[in-house]
Amino acid sequence: MRRPLRRRPTAGGSAAEAANPRARLLALTVALAGCGGPSFDGTIYRGSEVAFRVPPAPASWRPLSVSDAAVAYRDEANGATIALNGRCRNEDDVPLVSLTNHLFLHFTEREVLKQEVVPFDGREAMHTVVSAKLDGVPKVFDVWVLKKNGCVYDMLLIADPARYAAGEPAFTRMVRGFSTLPADDD
């Protein structure tokens, strides 16, 4: 004589709910979506202090998760990385050149190829292109530094010198499409 199948009780509710892991995953995702923390939808980044908009990255650029950037992309074919970051601190008014130079403290054999102050998002930004070595490896760094409303925004392209020209147009497009947003907008 066969015994009837017994359903196991589940922590999540009915056996039907337990049988549908997608439903449970969806419920968890919806619950966590309300939690605070940085978000990036592909064009708008929102963090606790800063928010900004950028154009979508080209298809060849893949999102990259790094601890010291709000948004980062990697183009393996061209050996290039784009990193965007912002921070707000109640510090003295530090000049753009000092903020820019601070980004290059750990590099050796630095050579400034270009440096200019240009209008940017209703303020002035410093645009600097530097050839330098990082841990002995030659790189080209294309950097934009913007100060706006007590916050500092850094936009960097890090590329192999021989392939810098291939990655630069995508970076320039992203920089030209960059704009700050109020951090507290919903």
N, C-alpha and C. Protein backbone atom coordinates (compact mmCIF):
# COMPACT_ATOMS: atom_id res chain seq x y z
N MET A 1 0.84 -1.17 0.00
CA MET A 1 0.00 0.00 0.00
C MET A 1 0.88 1.24 0.00
N ARG A 2 0.55 2.17 -0.87
CA ARG A 2 1.34 3.38 -0.99
C ARG A 2 0.88 4.41 0.03
N ARG A 3 1.88 5.08 0.57
CA ARG A 3 1.55 6.17 1.49
C ARG A 3 1.38 7.46 0.70
N PRO A 4 0.47 8.30 1.08
CA PRO A 4 0.31 9.57 0.36
C PRO A 4 1.54 10.45 0.58
N LEU A 5 1.84 11.25 -0.42
CA LEU A 5 2.95 12.20 -0.30
C LEU A 5 2.60 13.27 0.72
N ARG A 6 3.58 13.56 1.55
CA ARG A 6 3.36 14.62 2.54
C ARG A 6 4.09 15.87 2.08
N ARG A 7 3.44 16.94 2.20
CA ARG A 7 4.08 18.21 1.85
C ARG A 7 4.89 18.70 3.03
N ARG A 8 6.07 19.16 2.71
CA ARG A 8 6.91 19.73 3.75
C ARG A 8 6.47 21.16 4.03
N PRO A 9 6.41 21.51 5.28
CA PRO A 9 6.12 22.91 5.58
C PRO A 9 7.34 23.75 5.16
N THR A 10 7.08 24.94 4.68
CA THR A 10 8.17 25.82 4.27
C THR A 10 8.13 27.10 5.08
N ALA A 11 9.28 27.70 5.23
CA ALA A 11 9.36 28.96 5.96
C ALA A 11 8.68 30.08 5.19
N GLY A 12 8.63 29.98 3.88
CA GLY A 12 8.08 31.04 3.04
C GLY A 12 6.58 30.93 2.84
N GLY A 13 5.94 29.93 3.33
CA GLY A 13 4.50 29.82 3.13
C GLY A 13 4.12 28.47 2.57
N SER A 14 3.24 28.48 1.59
CA SER A 14 2.67 27.26 1.05
C SER A 14 3.67 26.49 0.20
N ALA A 15 3.33 25.26 -0.08
CA ALA A 15 4.18 24.44 -0.94
C ALA A 15 4.21 25.02 -2.35
N ALA A 16 3.12 25.65 -2.78
CA ALA A 16 3.08 26.26 -4.11
C ALA A 16 4.09 27.40 -4.20
N GLU A 17 4.18 28.19 -3.12
CA GLU A 17 5.17 29.28 -3.11
C GLU A 17 6.58 28.72 -3.13
N ALA A 18 6.80 27.65 -2.39
CA ALA A 18 8.13 27.05 -2.33
C ALA A 18 8.51 26.44 -3.67
N ALA A 19 7.50 25.98 -4.42
CA ALA A 19 7.77 25.36 -5.70
C ALA A 19 8.14 26.39 -6.77
N ASN A 20 7.90 27.66 -6.50
CA ASN A 20 8.20 28.70 -7.48
C ASN A 20 9.32 29.61 -6.95
N PRO A 21 10.57 29.20 -7.15
CA PRO A 21 11.67 30.02 -6.64
C PRO A 21 11.75 31.39 -7.30
N ARG A 22 11.24 31.50 -8.52
CA ARG A 22 11.24 32.81 -9.19
C ARG A 22 10.37 33.80 -8.44
N ALA A 23 9.23 33.33 -7.97
CA ALA A 23 8.33 34.21 -7.22
C ALA A 23 9.01 34.69 -5.94
N ARG A 24 9.70 33.79 -5.28
CA ARG A 24 10.41 34.17 -4.04
C ARG A 24 11.53 35.15 -4.35
N LEU A 25 12.27 34.91 -5.42
CA LEU A 25 13.35 35.81 -5.80
C LEU A 25 12.80 37.19 -6.16
N LEU A 26 11.69 37.22 -6.88
CA LEU A 26 11.07 38.49 -7.25
C LEU A 26 10.63 39.25 -6.00
N ALA A 27 10.03 38.55 -5.06
CA ALA A 27 9.59 39.20 -3.82
C ALA A 27 10.78 39.77 -3.05
N LEU A 28 11.86 39.02 -3.00
CA LEU A 28 13.06 39.49 -2.32
C LEU A 28 13.65 40.71 -3.02
N THR A 29 13.68 40.68 -4.34
CA THR A 29 14.20 41.80 -5.11
C THR A 29 13.38 43.06 -4.88
N VAL A 30 12.06 42.92 -4.89
CA VAL A 30 11.18 44.06 -4.65
C VAL A 30 11.40 44.60 -3.24
N ALA A 31 11.54 43.72 -2.27
CA ALA A 31 11.75 44.15 -0.89
C ALA A 31 13.07 44.89 -0.74
N LEU A 32 14.11 44.40 -1.38
CA LEU A 32 15.42 45.04 -1.27
C LEU A 32 15.52 46.32 -2.07
N ALA A 33 14.70 46.46 -3.09
CA ALA A 33 14.76 47.67 -3.92
C ALA A 33 14.44 48.91 -3.11
N GLY A 34 13.67 48.76 -2.07
CA GLY A 34 13.34 49.90 -1.23
C GLY A 34 14.45 50.28 -0.27
N CYS A 35 15.45 49.44 -0.11
CA CYS A 35 16.55 49.73 0.79
C CYS A 35 17.43 50.82 0.20
N GLY A 36 18.04 51.61 1.08
CA GLY A 36 18.92 52.67 0.62
C GLY A 36 20.20 52.12 0.04
N GLY A 37 20.96 53.00 -0.58
CA GLY A 37 22.23 52.63 -1.17
C GLY A 37 22.33 53.21 -2.56
N PRO A 38 23.53 53.23 -3.10
CA PRO A 38 23.72 53.79 -4.43
C PRO A 38 22.96 52.99 -5.49
N SER A 39 22.54 53.70 -6.53
CA SER A 39 21.88 53.03 -7.65
C SER A 39 22.36 53.64 -8.95
N PHE A 40 22.38 52.82 -10.00
CA PHE A 40 22.75 53.29 -11.33
C PHE A 40 21.91 52.51 -12.32
N ASP A 41 21.12 53.23 -13.12
CA ASP A 41 20.23 52.57 -14.07
C ASP A 41 20.78 52.54 -15.50
N GLY A 42 22.05 52.88 -15.66
CA GLY A 42 22.65 52.92 -16.99
C GLY A 42 22.87 54.33 -17.49
N THR A 43 22.10 55.28 -16.93
CA THR A 43 22.30 56.69 -17.28
C THR A 43 22.28 57.61 -16.06
N ILE A 44 21.59 57.23 -15.00
CA ILE A 44 21.51 58.08 -13.80
C ILE A 44 22.08 57.34 -12.61
N TYR A 45 23.07 57.98 -11.95
CA TYR A 45 23.65 57.46 -10.72
C TYR A 45 23.09 58.28 -9.56
N ARG A 46 22.68 57.60 -8.50
CA ARG A 46 22.23 58.26 -7.28
C ARG A 46 22.92 57.61 -6.09
N GLY A 47 23.68 58.42 -5.37
CA GLY A 47 24.33 57.98 -4.15
C GLY A 47 23.80 58.80 -2.99
N SER A 48 24.38 58.61 -1.80
CA SER A 48 23.89 59.33 -0.63
C SER A 48 24.22 60.82 -0.71
N GLU A 49 25.30 61.20 -1.39
CA GLU A 49 25.70 62.60 -1.46
C GLU A 49 25.57 63.21 -2.85
N VAL A 50 25.75 62.42 -3.88
CA VAL A 50 25.79 62.96 -5.24
C VAL A 50 24.86 62.18 -6.16
N ALA A 51 24.48 62.87 -7.22
CA ALA A 51 23.71 62.23 -8.29
C ALA A 51 24.15 62.87 -9.59
N PHE A 52 24.21 62.06 -10.64
CA PHE A 52 24.58 62.61 -11.94
C PHE A 52 24.01 61.76 -13.06
N ARG A 53 24.00 62.38 -14.23
CA ARG A 53 23.49 61.72 -15.44
C ARG A 53 24.64 61.61 -16.43
N VAL A 54 24.72 60.47 -17.12
CA VAL A 54 25.67 60.26 -18.21
C VAL A 54 24.94 59.57 -19.36
N PRO A 55 25.45 59.70 -20.57
CA PRO A 55 24.83 58.95 -21.67
C PRO A 55 25.11 57.46 -21.52
N PRO A 56 24.33 56.62 -22.15
CA PRO A 56 24.62 55.18 -22.10
C PRO A 56 26.00 54.88 -22.67
N ALA A 57 26.66 53.90 -22.07
CA ALA A 57 27.98 53.49 -22.57
C ALA A 57 27.83 52.72 -23.88
N PRO A 58 28.82 52.83 -24.76
CA PRO A 58 28.78 52.03 -25.99
C PRO A 58 28.74 50.53 -25.67
N ALA A 59 28.25 49.74 -26.60
CA ALA A 59 28.08 48.30 -26.39
C ALA A 59 29.38 47.59 -26.03
N SER A 60 30.51 48.08 -26.53
CA SER A 60 31.79 47.41 -26.27
C SER A 60 32.30 47.66 -24.84
N TRP A 61 31.73 48.62 -24.14
CA TRP A 61 32.13 48.94 -22.77
C TRP A 61 31.25 48.17 -21.80
N ARG A 62 31.86 47.36 -20.95
CA ARG A 62 31.13 46.53 -19.99
C ARG A 62 31.20 47.16 -18.60
N PRO A 63 30.08 47.12 -17.85
CA PRO A 63 30.11 47.65 -16.48
C PRO A 63 31.17 46.93 -15.65
N LEU A 64 31.80 47.69 -14.79
CA LEU A 64 32.88 47.18 -13.95
C LEU A 64 32.59 47.59 -12.52
N SER A 65 32.68 46.68 -11.59
CA SER A 65 32.45 46.99 -10.18
C SER A 65 33.80 47.23 -9.50
N VAL A 66 34.00 48.47 -9.06
CA VAL A 66 35.22 48.83 -8.35
C VAL A 66 34.85 49.59 -7.10
N SER A 67 35.68 49.49 -6.07
CA SER A 67 35.34 50.10 -4.79
C SER A 67 35.53 51.61 -4.76
N ASP A 68 36.36 52.15 -5.61
CA ASP A 68 36.65 53.58 -5.53
C ASP A 68 36.05 54.40 -6.67
N ALA A 69 34.98 53.92 -7.28
CA ALA A 69 34.28 54.68 -8.32
C ALA A 69 32.78 54.41 -8.21
N ALA A 70 32.00 55.45 -8.47
CA ALA A 70 30.55 55.28 -8.46
C ALA A 70 30.10 54.47 -9.67
N VAL A 71 30.70 54.77 -10.83
CA VAL A 71 30.37 54.09 -12.08
C VAL A 71 31.68 53.80 -12.80
N ALA A 72 31.83 52.60 -13.34
CA ALA A 72 33.04 52.26 -14.09
C ALA A 72 32.69 51.31 -15.22
N TYR A 73 33.46 51.44 -16.30
CA TYR A 73 33.30 50.59 -17.48
C TYR A 73 34.67 50.16 -17.96
N ARG A 74 34.71 49.01 -18.63
CA ARG A 74 35.95 48.48 -19.20
C ARG A 74 35.71 48.10 -20.65
N ASP A 75 36.63 48.53 -21.51
CA ASP A 75 36.63 48.14 -22.92
C ASP A 75 37.87 47.28 -23.13
N GLU A 76 37.71 45.96 -23.04
CA GLU A 76 38.84 45.05 -23.15
C GLU A 76 39.54 45.16 -24.50
N ALA A 77 38.77 45.31 -25.56
CA ALA A 77 39.35 45.36 -26.91
C ALA A 77 40.35 46.51 -27.05
N ASN A 78 40.08 47.61 -26.37
CA ASN A 78 40.96 48.77 -26.46
C ASN A 78 41.79 48.99 -25.20
N GLY A 79 41.72 48.07 -24.25
CA GLY A 79 42.53 48.18 -23.04
C GLY A 79 42.30 49.46 -22.27
N ALA A 80 41.02 49.86 -22.13
CA ALA A 80 40.71 51.14 -21.50
C ALA A 80 39.64 50.97 -20.42
N THR A 81 39.71 51.85 -19.42
CA THR A 81 38.75 51.88 -18.33
C THR A 81 38.24 53.30 -18.15
N ILE A 82 36.94 53.44 -17.95
CA ILE A 82 36.33 54.72 -17.60
C ILE A 82 35.85 54.60 -16.17
N ALA A 83 36.14 55.62 -15.35
CA ALA A 83 35.67 55.65 -13.96
C ALA A 83 35.10 57.03 -13.67
N LEU A 84 33.94 57.06 -13.03
CA LEU A 84 33.28 58.30 -12.64
C LEU A 84 33.01 58.24 -11.15
N ASN A 85 33.28 59.36 -10.46
CA ASN A 85 33.06 59.38 -9.03
C ASN A 85 32.68 60.77 -8.58
N GLY A 86 32.04 60.87 -7.43
CA GLY A 86 31.70 62.14 -6.83
C GLY A 86 31.72 62.03 -5.33
N ARG A 87 32.04 63.14 -4.67
CA ARG A 87 32.07 63.16 -3.21
C ARG A 87 31.79 64.58 -2.74
N CYS A 88 31.20 64.69 -1.58
CA CYS A 88 30.91 66.00 -0.99
C CYS A 88 31.50 66.00 0.41
N ARG A 89 32.30 67.02 0.68
CA ARG A 89 32.94 67.15 2.00
C ARG A 89 32.95 68.61 2.39
N ASN A 90 32.85 68.86 3.67
CA ASN A 90 32.96 70.23 4.16
C ASN A 90 34.42 70.52 4.46
N GLU A 91 35.16 70.83 3.43
CA GLU A 91 36.58 71.13 3.55
C GLU A 91 36.84 72.51 2.97
N ASP A 92 38.08 72.97 3.11
CA ASP A 92 38.45 74.23 2.50
C ASP A 92 38.23 74.16 1.00
N ASP A 93 38.12 75.33 0.38
CA ASP A 93 37.93 75.39 -1.07
C ASP A 93 39.26 75.08 -1.75
N VAL A 94 39.43 73.85 -2.17
CA VAL A 94 40.67 73.38 -2.78
C VAL A 94 40.64 73.70 -4.28
N PRO A 95 41.71 74.31 -4.81
CA PRO A 95 41.74 74.63 -6.24
C PRO A 95 41.68 73.37 -7.12
N LEU A 96 41.14 73.54 -8.32
CA LEU A 96 41.03 72.43 -9.27
C LEU A 96 42.38 71.77 -9.54
N VAL A 97 43.43 72.56 -9.68
CA VAL A 97 44.75 71.98 -9.98
C VAL A 97 45.22 71.08 -8.84
N SER A 98 44.94 71.45 -7.59
CA SER A 98 45.34 70.60 -6.46
C SER A 98 44.52 69.31 -6.43
N LEU A 99 43.22 69.43 -6.69
CA LEU A 99 42.38 68.23 -6.73
C LEU A 99 42.85 67.28 -7.83
N THR A 100 43.23 67.84 -8.97
CA THR A 100 43.71 67.03 -10.09
C THR A 100 45.04 66.37 -9.75
N ASN A 101 45.97 67.15 -9.22
CA ASN A 101 47.29 66.61 -8.88
C ASN A 101 47.20 65.50 -7.84
N HIS A 102 46.24 65.61 -6.95
CA HIS A 102 46.06 64.59 -5.92
C HIS A 102 45.75 63.22 -6.54
N LEU A 103 45.10 63.21 -7.68
CA LEU A 103 44.78 61.95 -8.36
C LEU A 103 46.03 61.23 -8.87
N PHE A 104 47.12 61.96 -9.04
CA PHE A 104 48.33 61.38 -9.63
C PHE A 104 49.45 61.15 -8.62
N LEU A 105 49.16 61.19 -7.33
CA LEU A 105 50.21 61.06 -6.31
C LEU A 105 50.99 59.76 -6.40
N HIS A 106 50.35 58.67 -6.77
CA HIS A 106 51.01 57.35 -6.75
C HIS A 106 51.62 56.96 -8.09
N PHE A 107 51.67 57.88 -9.02
CA PHE A 107 52.21 57.59 -10.34
C PHE A 107 53.64 58.11 -10.45
N THR A 108 54.41 57.49 -11.32
CA THR A 108 55.79 57.93 -11.57
C THR A 108 55.93 58.36 -13.02
N GLU A 109 57.01 59.04 -13.29
CA GLU A 109 57.33 59.50 -14.65
C GLU A 109 56.15 60.21 -15.30
N ARG A 110 55.56 61.13 -14.54
CA ARG A 110 54.40 61.88 -15.02
C ARG A 110 54.81 62.93 -16.04
N GLU A 111 54.05 63.00 -17.12
CA GLU A 111 54.24 64.05 -18.12
C GLU A 111 52.86 64.58 -18.51
N VAL A 112 52.64 65.86 -18.23
CA VAL A 112 51.37 66.48 -18.58
C VAL A 112 51.36 66.76 -20.08
N LEU A 113 50.43 66.13 -20.78
CA LEU A 113 50.31 66.30 -22.23
C LEU A 113 49.36 67.45 -22.58
N LYS A 114 48.39 67.68 -21.69
CA LYS A 114 47.41 68.73 -21.92
C LYS A 114 46.79 69.10 -20.58
N GLN A 115 46.59 70.39 -20.35
CA GLN A 115 45.87 70.83 -19.15
C GLN A 115 45.18 72.14 -19.46
N GLU A 116 43.87 72.16 -19.20
CA GLU A 116 43.09 73.35 -19.51
C GLU A 116 41.90 73.45 -18.56
N VAL A 117 41.49 74.67 -18.28
CA VAL A 117 40.27 74.91 -17.51
C VAL A 117 39.20 75.30 -18.52
N VAL A 118 38.08 74.58 -18.48
CA VAL A 118 37.02 74.78 -19.47
C VAL A 118 35.65 74.88 -18.78
N PRO A 119 34.69 75.59 -19.39
CA PRO A 119 33.33 75.61 -18.85
C PRO A 119 32.75 74.19 -18.90
N PHE A 120 32.03 73.84 -17.83
CA PHE A 120 31.52 72.47 -17.74
C PHE A 120 30.35 72.43 -16.76
N ASP A 121 29.19 72.03 -17.19
CA ASP A 121 28.00 71.86 -16.35
C ASP A 121 27.74 73.09 -15.48
N GLY A 122 27.87 74.28 -16.06
CA GLY A 122 27.59 75.51 -15.35
C GLY A 122 28.70 75.99 -14.43
N ARG A 123 29.84 75.34 -14.46
CA ARG A 123 31.01 75.72 -13.65
C ARG A 123 32.24 75.62 -14.54
N GLU A 124 33.40 75.62 -13.88
CA GLU A 124 34.65 75.35 -14.60
C GLU A 124 35.16 73.98 -14.16
N ALA A 125 35.78 73.29 -15.08
CA ALA A 125 36.40 71.99 -14.78
C ALA A 125 37.82 72.02 -15.31
N MET A 126 38.67 71.22 -14.70
CA MET A 126 40.03 71.07 -15.20
C MET A 126 40.11 69.77 -15.99
N HIS A 127 40.56 69.89 -17.24
CA HIS A 127 40.76 68.73 -18.10
C HIS A 127 42.26 68.54 -18.24
N THR A 128 42.74 67.36 -17.88
CA THR A 128 44.16 67.05 -17.90
C THR A 128 44.39 65.71 -18.57
N VAL A 129 45.36 65.65 -19.45
CA VAL A 129 45.80 64.38 -20.04
C VAL A 129 47.24 64.19 -19.61
N VAL A 130 47.52 63.06 -18.97
CA VAL A 130 48.84 62.78 -18.41
C VAL A 130 49.32 61.41 -18.89
N SER A 131 50.57 61.35 -19.24
CA SER A 131 51.25 60.08 -19.49
C SER A 131 52.04 59.78 -18.22
N ALA A 132 51.87 58.59 -17.66
CA ALA A 132 52.55 58.25 -16.41
C ALA A 132 52.66 56.74 -16.29
N LYS A 133 53.41 56.33 -15.28
CA LYS A 133 53.50 54.90 -14.98
C LYS A 133 52.81 54.62 -13.66
N LEU A 134 52.04 53.55 -13.66
CA LEU A 134 51.38 53.06 -12.47
C LEU A 134 51.93 51.67 -12.20
N ASP A 135 52.62 51.52 -11.09
CA ASP A 135 53.31 50.26 -10.77
C ASP A 135 54.24 49.84 -11.90
N GLY A 136 54.88 50.83 -12.53
CA GLY A 136 55.84 50.56 -13.60
C GLY A 136 55.23 50.33 -14.97
N VAL A 137 53.90 50.37 -15.07
CA VAL A 137 53.22 50.13 -16.34
C VAL A 137 52.79 51.47 -16.94
N PRO A 138 53.23 51.78 -18.18
CA PRO A 138 52.84 53.05 -18.80
C PRO A 138 51.34 53.10 -19.10
N LYS A 139 50.74 54.24 -18.80
CA LYS A 139 49.32 54.47 -19.06
C LYS A 139 49.13 55.93 -19.49
N VAL A 140 48.00 56.19 -20.14
CA VAL A 140 47.56 57.56 -20.40
C VAL A 140 46.31 57.76 -19.56
N PHE A 141 46.27 58.89 -18.85
CA PHE A 141 45.14 59.24 -18.00
C PHE A 141 44.51 60.51 -18.54
N ASP A 142 43.27 60.42 -18.93
CA ASP A 142 42.50 61.57 -19.39
C ASP A 142 41.52 61.87 -18.26
N VAL A 143 41.67 63.02 -17.60
CA VAL A 143 40.96 63.30 -16.36
C VAL A 143 40.21 64.63 -16.44
N TRP A 144 38.99 64.61 -15.99
CA TRP A 144 38.19 65.82 -15.82
C TRP A 144 37.84 65.92 -14.34
N VAL A 145 38.05 67.10 -13.74
CA VAL A 145 37.70 67.34 -12.35
C VAL A 145 36.79 68.56 -12.31
N LEU A 146 35.62 68.38 -11.71
CA LEU A 146 34.60 69.42 -11.61
C LEU A 146 34.26 69.64 -10.14
N LYS A 147 34.18 70.92 -9.73
CA LYS A 147 33.67 71.27 -8.40
C LYS A 147 32.33 71.96 -8.61
N LYS A 148 31.32 71.48 -7.87
CA LYS A 148 30.00 72.10 -8.01
C LYS A 148 29.20 71.88 -6.73
N ASN A 149 28.69 72.97 -6.19
CA ASN A 149 27.82 72.94 -5.00
C ASN A 149 28.41 72.14 -3.84
N GLY A 150 29.70 72.37 -3.57
CA GLY A 150 30.36 71.70 -2.45
C GLY A 150 30.79 70.27 -2.73
N CYS A 151 30.64 69.83 -3.95
CA CYS A 151 31.02 68.46 -4.31
C CYS A 151 32.10 68.47 -5.38
N VAL A 152 32.85 67.39 -5.45
CA VAL A 152 33.90 67.22 -6.46
C VAL A 152 33.57 65.96 -7.26
N TYR A 153 33.65 66.09 -8.58
CA TYR A 153 33.38 64.98 -9.49
C TYR A 153 34.64 64.70 -10.29
N ASP A 154 35.06 63.44 -10.33
CA ASP A 154 36.23 63.01 -11.11
C ASP A 154 35.74 62.09 -12.22
N MET A 155 36.21 62.33 -13.42
CA MET A 155 35.91 61.48 -14.57
C MET A 155 37.25 61.09 -15.19
N LEU A 156 37.54 59.81 -15.27
CA LEU A 156 38.85 59.35 -15.73
C LEU A 156 38.73 58.32 -16.85
N LEU A 157 39.63 58.43 -17.79
CA LEU A 157 39.88 57.39 -18.78
C LEU A 157 41.30 56.92 -18.54
N ILE A 158 41.48 55.64 -18.32
CA ILE A 158 42.81 55.06 -18.11
C ILE A 158 43.02 54.08 -19.26
N ALA A 159 44.09 54.32 -20.04
CA ALA A 159 44.27 53.51 -21.25
C ALA A 159 45.73 53.19 -21.49
N ASP A 160 45.96 52.11 -22.22
CA ASP A 160 47.30 51.81 -22.71
C ASP A 160 47.66 52.90 -23.71
N PRO A 161 48.88 53.42 -23.66
CA PRO A 161 49.26 54.53 -24.55
C PRO A 161 49.00 54.25 -26.03
N ALA A 162 49.28 53.05 -26.50
CA ALA A 162 49.11 52.74 -27.92
C ALA A 162 47.64 52.69 -28.34
N ARG A 163 46.73 52.51 -27.35
CA ARG A 163 45.32 52.38 -27.69
C ARG A 163 44.46 53.51 -27.11
N TYR A 164 45.10 54.54 -26.57
CA TYR A 164 44.37 55.67 -26.00
C TYR A 164 43.41 56.29 -27.02
N ALA A 165 43.88 56.51 -28.22
CA ALA A 165 43.06 57.16 -29.25
C ALA A 165 41.79 56.36 -29.56
N ALA A 166 41.82 55.06 -29.39
CA ALA A 166 40.64 54.23 -29.67
C ALA A 166 39.58 54.37 -28.58
N GLY A 167 39.99 54.56 -27.33
CA GLY A 167 39.03 54.67 -26.23
C GLY A 167 38.57 56.09 -25.95
N GLU A 168 39.33 57.06 -26.41
CA GLU A 168 39.05 58.47 -26.10
C GLU A 168 37.70 58.97 -26.61
N PRO A 169 37.23 58.64 -27.82
CA PRO A 169 35.93 59.15 -28.27
C PRO A 169 34.76 58.74 -27.37
N ALA A 170 34.73 57.51 -26.90
CA ALA A 170 33.65 57.06 -26.02
C ALA A 170 33.70 57.82 -24.70
N PHE A 171 34.90 58.05 -24.19
CA PHE A 171 35.05 58.79 -22.94
C PHE A 171 34.61 60.24 -23.13
N THR A 172 35.04 60.88 -24.20
CA THR A 172 34.67 62.27 -24.45
C THR A 172 33.15 62.40 -24.58
N ARG A 173 32.51 61.44 -25.24
CA ARG A 173 31.05 61.44 -25.35
C ARG A 173 30.41 61.35 -23.97
N MET A 174 30.95 60.50 -23.10
CA MET A 174 30.40 60.36 -21.76
C MET A 174 30.60 61.65 -20.96
N VAL A 175 31.78 62.24 -21.05
CA VAL A 175 32.06 63.49 -20.34
C VAL A 175 31.14 64.60 -20.84
N ARG A 176 31.02 64.74 -22.13
CA ARG A 176 30.17 65.80 -22.71
C ARG A 176 28.70 65.63 -22.34
N GLY A 177 28.28 64.41 -22.08
CA GLY A 177 26.90 64.17 -21.67
C GLY A 177 26.68 64.16 -20.17
N PHE A 178 27.74 64.37 -19.39
CA PHE A 178 27.66 64.36 -17.93
C PHE A 178 26.95 65.62 -17.43
N SER A 179 26.07 65.44 -16.46
CA SER A 179 25.48 66.58 -15.76
C SER A 179 25.14 66.16 -14.34
N THR A 180 25.34 67.09 -13.41
CA THR A 180 25.01 66.80 -12.02
C THR A 180 23.50 66.91 -11.84
N LEU A 181 23.01 66.20 -10.84
CA LEU A 181 21.59 66.22 -10.48
C LEU A 181 21.50 66.44 -8.97
N PRO A 182 20.38 66.97 -8.49
CA PRO A 182 20.21 67.04 -7.03
C PRO A 182 20.22 65.63 -6.45
N ALA A 183 20.97 65.42 -5.39
CA ALA A 183 21.11 64.08 -4.82
C ALA A 183 19.83 63.58 -4.19
N ASP A 184 18.95 64.47 -3.78
CA ASP A 184 17.76 64.04 -3.06
C ASP A 184 16.51 63.92 -3.91
N ASP A 185 16.61 64.04 -5.24
CA ASP A 185 15.44 63.88 -6.11
C ASP A 185 14.98 62.43 -6.11
N ASP A 186 13.71 62.23 -6.19
CA ASP A 186 13.15 60.87 -6.31
C ASP A 186 12.52 60.67 -7.65
